[in-house]
Amino acid sequence: MDKAVILRIGLCMTVGILCGALAGHFGKCSSGACPLTATPWRGAIYGAVMGLLFGLSFK
């Protein structure tokens, strides 16, 4: 893989982790309707996966 591709994927995952952790921290739901972002840790994992998919979607 090219270094630019690895950098792009890493940057997208980092932004996804930060956004997911913030969503998990500030967007706590008591109804149980949002299990992926119920805690900052789960939000960060979900954000990393979304960032990876976003980073891989570019050519």
PDB file of N, CA and C in Angstrom:
ATOM      1  N   MET A   1       0.838  -1.181   0.000  1.00  0.00           N
ATOM      2  CA  MET A   1       0.000   0.000   0.000  1.00  0.00           C
ATOM      3  C   MET A   1       0.881   1.241   0.000  1.00  0.00           C
ATOM      4  N   ASP A   2       0.343   2.252  -0.582  1.00  0.00           N
ATOM      5  CA  ASP A   2       1.037   3.520  -0.649  1.00  0.00           C
ATOM      6  C   ASP A   2       0.956   4.229   0.713  1.00  0.00           C
ATOM      7  N   LYS A   3       1.961   5.021   1.034  1.00  0.00           N
ATOM      8  CA  LYS A   3       1.964   5.732   2.313  1.00  0.00           C
ATOM      9  C   LYS A   3       0.808   6.707   2.423  1.00  0.00           C
ATOM     10  N   ALA A   4       0.409   7.304   1.308  1.00  0.00           N
ATOM     11  CA  ALA A   4      -0.710   8.249   1.329  1.00  0.00           C
ATOM     12  C   ALA A   4      -2.018   7.543   1.680  1.00  0.00           C
ATOM     13  N   VAL A   5      -2.183   6.327   1.209  1.00  0.00           N
ATOM     14  CA  VAL A   5      -3.397   5.561   1.506  1.00  0.00           C
ATOM     15  C   VAL A   5      -3.435   5.210   2.988  1.00  0.00           C
ATOM     16  N   ILE A   6      -2.326   4.797   3.525  1.00  0.00           N
ATOM     17  CA  ILE A   6      -2.259   4.448   4.944  1.00  0.00           C
ATOM     18  C   ILE A   6      -2.504   5.678   5.806  1.00  0.00           C
ATOM     19  N   LEU A   7      -1.954   6.813   5.413  1.00  0.00           N
ATOM     20  CA  LEU A   7      -2.164   8.054   6.148  1.00  0.00           C
ATOM     21  C   LEU A   7      -3.633   8.473   6.096  1.00  0.00           C
ATOM     22  N   ARG A   8      -4.263   8.356   4.931  1.00  0.00           N
ATOM     23  CA  ARG A   8      -5.674   8.717   4.783  1.00  0.00           C
ATOM     24  C   ARG A   8      -6.557   7.829   5.655  1.00  0.00           C
ATOM     25  N   ILE A   9      -6.299   6.528   5.641  1.00  0.00           N
ATOM     26  CA  ILE A   9      -7.086   5.602   6.457  1.00  0.00           C
ATOM     27  C   ILE A   9      -6.886   5.891   7.940  1.00  0.00           C
ATOM     28  N   GLY A  10      -5.652   6.136   8.339  1.00  0.00           N
ATOM     29  CA  GLY A  10      -5.375   6.456   9.739  1.00  0.00           C
ATOM     30  C   GLY A  10      -6.040   7.746  10.178  1.00  0.00           C
ATOM     31  N   LEU A  11      -6.028   8.743   9.317  1.00  0.00           N
ATOM     32  CA  LEU A  11      -6.665  10.018   9.643  1.00  0.00           C
ATOM     33  C   LEU A  11      -8.177   9.857   9.747  1.00  0.00           C
ATOM     34  N   CYS A  12      -8.776   9.132   8.820  1.00  0.00           N
ATOM     35  CA  CYS A  12     -10.223   8.893   8.863  1.00  0.00           C
ATOM     36  C   CYS A  12     -10.617   8.112  10.116  1.00  0.00           C
ATOM     37  N   MET A  13      -9.809   7.128  10.480  1.00  0.00           N
ATOM     38  CA  MET A  13     -10.117   6.355  11.688  1.00  0.00           C
ATOM     39  C   MET A  13      -9.970   7.206  12.942  1.00  0.00           C
ATOM     40  N   THR A  14      -8.967   8.072  12.977  1.00  0.00           N
ATOM     41  CA  THR A  14      -8.771   8.944  14.136  1.00  0.00           C
ATOM     42  C   THR A  14      -9.947   9.899  14.308  1.00  0.00           C
ATOM     43  N   VAL A  15     -10.377  10.499  13.211  1.00  0.00           N
ATOM     44  CA  VAL A  15     -11.533  11.396  13.276  1.00  0.00           C
ATOM     45  C   VAL A  15     -12.776  10.611  13.689  1.00  0.00           C
ATOM     46  N   GLY A  16     -12.933   9.400  13.178  1.00  0.00           N
ATOM     47  CA  GLY A  16     -14.072   8.567  13.548  1.00  0.00           C
ATOM     48  C   GLY A  16     -14.059   8.192  15.022  1.00  0.00           C
ATOM     49  N   ILE A  17     -12.881   7.877  15.533  1.00  0.00           N
ATOM     50  CA  ILE A  17     -12.759   7.536  16.958  1.00  0.00           C
ATOM     51  C   ILE A  17     -13.141   8.724  17.821  1.00  0.00           C
ATOM     52  N   LEU A  18     -12.642   9.897  17.472  1.00  0.00           N
ATOM     53  CA  LEU A  18     -12.954  11.095  18.263  1.00  0.00           C
ATOM     54  C   LEU A  18     -14.439  11.438  18.201  1.00  0.00           C
ATOM     55  N   CYS A  19     -15.014  11.390  17.018  1.00  0.00           N
ATOM     56  CA  CYS A  19     -16.442  11.696  16.880  1.00  0.00           C
ATOM     57  C   CYS A  19     -17.309  10.659  17.594  1.00  0.00           C
ATOM     58  N   GLY A  20     -16.948   9.397  17.485  1.00  0.00           N
ATOM     59  CA  GLY A  20     -17.708   8.354  18.164  1.00  0.00           C
ATOM     60  C   GLY A  20     -17.615   8.448  19.675  1.00  0.00           C
ATOM     61  N   ALA A  21     -16.429   8.772  20.180  1.00  0.00           N
ATOM     62  CA  ALA A  21     -16.274   8.915  21.627  1.00  0.00           C
ATOM     63  C   ALA A  21     -17.062  10.117  22.142  1.00  0.00           C
ATOM     64  N   LEU A  22     -17.050  11.199  21.381  1.00  0.00           N
ATOM     65  CA  LEU A  22     -17.847  12.363  21.786  1.00  0.00           C
ATOM     66  C   LEU A  22     -19.343  12.059  21.726  1.00  0.00           C
ATOM     67  N   ALA A  23     -19.774  11.334  20.715  1.00  0.00           N
ATOM     68  CA  ALA A  23     -21.184  10.949  20.632  1.00  0.00           C
ATOM     69  C   ALA A  23     -21.571  10.040  21.797  1.00  0.00           C
ATOM     70  N   GLY A  24     -20.681   9.152  22.179  1.00  0.00           N
ATOM     71  CA  GLY A  24     -20.961   8.282  23.315  1.00  0.00           C
ATOM     72  C   GLY A  24     -20.957   9.022  24.634  1.00  0.00           C
ATOM     73  N   HIS A  25     -20.140  10.061  24.733  1.00  0.00           N
ATOM     74  CA  HIS A  25     -20.060  10.816  25.987  1.00  0.00           C
ATOM     75  C   HIS A  25     -21.250  11.755  26.152  1.00  0.00           C
ATOM     76  N   PHE A  26     -21.572  12.501  25.112  1.00  0.00           N
ATOM     77  CA  PHE A  26     -22.625  13.502  25.223  1.00  0.00           C
ATOM     78  C   PHE A  26     -23.997  12.974  24.829  1.00  0.00           C
ATOM     79  N   GLY A  27     -24.066  11.921  24.069  1.00  0.00           N
ATOM     80  CA  GLY A  27     -25.347  11.427  23.579  1.00  0.00           C
ATOM     81  C   GLY A  27     -25.841  10.198  24.296  1.00  0.00           C
ATOM     82  N   LYS A  28     -25.663  10.136  25.585  1.00  0.00           N
ATOM     83  CA  LYS A  28     -26.118   8.969  26.333  1.00  0.00           C
ATOM     84  C   LYS A  28     -27.640   8.876  26.260  1.00  0.00           C
ATOM     85  N   CYS A  29     -28.115   7.681  25.998  1.00  0.00           N
ATOM     86  CA  CYS A  29     -29.566   7.484  25.935  1.00  0.00           C
ATOM     87  C   CYS A  29     -29.964   6.494  27.015  1.00  0.00           C
ATOM     88  N   SER A  30     -31.042   6.802  27.686  1.00  0.00           N
ATOM     89  CA  SER A  30     -31.503   5.929  28.766  1.00  0.00           C
ATOM     90  C   SER A  30     -32.511   4.901  28.266  1.00  0.00           C
ATOM     91  N   SER A  31     -32.983   5.065  27.038  1.00  0.00           N
ATOM     92  CA  SER A  31     -34.005   4.144  26.533  1.00  0.00           C
ATOM     93  C   SER A  31     -33.418   2.837  26.008  1.00  0.00           C
ATOM     94  N   GLY A  32     -32.123   2.812  25.719  1.00  0.00           N
ATOM     95  CA  GLY A  32     -31.500   1.614  25.176  1.00  0.00           C
ATOM     96  C   GLY A  32     -31.650   1.497  23.674  1.00  0.00           C
ATOM     97  N   ALA A  33     -32.098   2.565  23.032  1.00  0.00           N
ATOM     98  CA  ALA A  33     -32.329   2.534  21.593  1.00  0.00           C
ATOM     99  C   ALA A  33     -31.048   2.738  20.786  1.00  0.00           C
ATOM    100  N   CYS A  34     -29.977   3.140  21.428  1.00  0.00           N
ATOM    101  CA  CYS A  34     -28.724   3.396  20.705  1.00  0.00           C
ATOM    102  C   CYS A  34     -27.572   2.645  21.382  1.00  0.00           C
ATOM    103  N   PRO A  35     -27.508   1.331  21.243  1.00  0.00           N
ATOM    104  CA  PRO A  35     -26.489   0.560  21.956  1.00  0.00           C
ATOM    105  C   PRO A  35     -25.071   0.792  21.443  1.00  0.00           C
ATOM    106  N   LEU A  36     -24.910   1.230  20.196  1.00  0.00           N
ATOM    107  CA  LEU A  36     -23.563   1.401  19.660  1.00  0.00           C
ATOM    108  C   LEU A  36     -22.865   2.625  20.234  1.00  0.00           C
ATOM    109  N   THR A  37     -23.614   3.626  20.635  1.00  0.00           N
ATOM    110  CA  THR A  37     -23.002   4.824  21.200  1.00  0.00           C
ATOM    111  C   THR A  37     -23.462   5.053  22.636  1.00  0.00           C
ATOM    112  N   ALA A  38     -23.757   3.992  23.351  1.00  0.00           N
ATOM    113  CA  ALA A  38     -24.231   4.127  24.722  1.00  0.00           C
ATOM    114  C   ALA A  38     -23.111   4.555  25.674  1.00  0.00           C
ATOM    115  N   THR A  39     -21.883   4.174  25.382  1.00  0.00           N
ATOM    116  CA  THR A  39     -20.741   4.577  26.196  1.00  0.00           C
ATOM    117  C   THR A  39     -19.673   5.167  25.271  1.00  0.00           C
ATOM    118  N   PRO A  40     -18.755   5.953  25.821  1.00  0.00           N
ATOM    119  CA  PRO A  40     -17.688   6.498  24.963  1.00  0.00           C
ATOM    120  C   PRO A  40     -16.823   5.426  24.313  1.00  0.00           C
ATOM    121  N   TRP A  41     -16.599   4.315  25.009  1.00  0.00           N
ATOM    122  CA  TRP A  41     -15.771   3.249  24.425  1.00  0.00           C
ATOM    123  C   TRP A  41     -16.445   2.598  23.238  1.00  0.00           C
ATOM    124  N   ARG A  42     -17.721   2.281  23.373  1.00  0.00           N
ATOM    125  CA  ARG A  42     -18.444   1.685  22.247  1.00  0.00           C
ATOM    126  C   ARG A  42     -18.598   2.676  21.104  1.00  0.00           C
ATOM    127  N   GLY A  43     -18.785   3.949  21.438  1.00  0.00           N
ATOM    128  CA  GLY A  43     -18.860   4.969  20.403  1.00  0.00           C
ATOM    129  C   GLY A  43     -17.552   5.097  19.647  1.00  0.00           C
ATOM    130  N   ALA A  44     -16.424   4.986  20.362  1.00  0.00           N
ATOM    131  CA  ALA A  44     -15.113   5.069  19.714  1.00  0.00           C
ATOM    132  C   ALA A  44     -14.880   3.882  18.782  1.00  0.00           C
ATOM    133  N   ILE A  45     -15.295   2.701  19.201  1.00  0.00           N
ATOM    134  CA  ILE A  45     -15.145   1.520  18.341  1.00  0.00           C
ATOM    135  C   ILE A  45     -16.013   1.649  17.111  1.00  0.00           C
ATOM    136  N   TYR A  46     -17.255   2.069  17.298  1.00  0.00           N
ATOM    137  CA  TYR A  46     -18.165   2.273  16.170  1.00  0.00           C
ATOM    138  C   TYR A  46     -17.615   3.355  15.236  1.00  0.00           C
ATOM    139  N   GLY A  47     -17.083   4.431  15.796  1.00  0.00           N
ATOM    140  CA  GLY A  47     -16.501   5.495  14.984  1.00  0.00           C
ATOM    141  C   GLY A  47     -15.274   5.038  14.215  1.00  0.00           C
ATOM    142  N   ALA A  48     -14.466   4.169  14.825  1.00  0.00           N
ATOM    143  CA  ALA A  48     -13.283   3.646  14.129  1.00  0.00           C
ATOM    144  C   ALA A  48     -13.683   2.801  12.936  1.00  0.00           C
ATOM    145  N   VAL A  49     -14.713   1.995  13.099  1.00  0.00           N
ATOM    146  CA  VAL A  49     -15.186   1.162  11.985  1.00  0.00           C
ATOM    147  C   VAL A  49     -15.750   2.045  10.871  1.00  0.00           C
ATOM    148  N   MET A  50     -16.537   3.046  11.244  1.00  0.00           N
ATOM    149  CA  MET A  50     -17.090   3.949  10.236  1.00  0.00           C
ATOM    150  C   MET A  50     -15.976   4.749   9.553  1.00  0.00           C
ATOM    151  N   GLY A  51     -14.968   5.165  10.311  1.00  0.00           N
ATOM    152  CA  GLY A  51     -13.834   5.873   9.722  1.00  0.00           C
ATOM    153  C   GLY A  51     -13.037   4.994   8.773  1.00  0.00           C
ATOM    154  N   LEU A  52     -12.876   3.736   9.128  1.00  0.00           N
ATOM    155  CA  LEU A  52     -12.177   2.790   8.253  1.00  0.00           C
ATOM    156  C   LEU A  52     -12.942   2.605   6.958  1.00  0.00           C
ATOM    157  N   LEU A  53     -14.243   2.423   7.054  1.00  0.00           N
ATOM    158  CA  LEU A  53     -15.056   2.267   5.840  1.00  0.00           C
ATOM    159  C   LEU A  53     -15.026   3.532   4.985  1.00  0.00           C
ATOM    160  N   PHE A  54     -15.068   4.687   5.629  1.00  0.00           N
ATOM    161  CA  PHE A  54     -15.006   5.949   4.897  1.00  0.00           C
ATOM    162  C   PHE A  54     -13.648   6.107   4.225  1.00  0.00           C
ATOM    163  N   GLY A  55     -12.573   5.774   4.929  1.00  0.00           N
ATOM    164  CA  GLY A  55     -11.242   5.892   4.364  1.00  0.00           C
ATOM    165  C   GLY A  55     -10.992   4.932   3.219  1.00  0.00           C
ATOM    166  N   LEU A  56     -11.581   3.751   3.275  1.00  0.00           N
ATOM    167  CA  LEU A  56     -11.414   2.763   2.213  1.00  0.00           C
ATOM    168  C   LEU A  56     -12.317   3.029   1.005  1.00  0.00           C
ATOM    169  N   SER A  57     -13.299   3.889   1.166  1.00  0.00           N
ATOM    170  CA  SER A  57     -14.223   4.139   0.076  1.00  0.00           C
ATOM    171  C   SER A  57     -13.633   5.040  -1.007  1.00  0.00           C
ATOM    172  N   PHE A  58     -12.565   5.748  -0.679  1.00  0.00           N
ATOM    173  CA  PHE A  58     -11.899   6.597  -1.675  1.00  0.00           C
ATOM    174  C   PHE A  58     -10.878   5.800  -2.452  1.00  0.00           C
ATOM    175  N   LYS A  59     -10.639   6.211  -3.663  1.00  0.00           N
ATOM    176  CA  LYS A  59      -9.668   5.507  -4.487  1.00  0.00           C
ATOM    177  C   LYS A  59      -8.411   6.294  -4.666  1.00  0.00           C
TER     178      LYS A  59
END
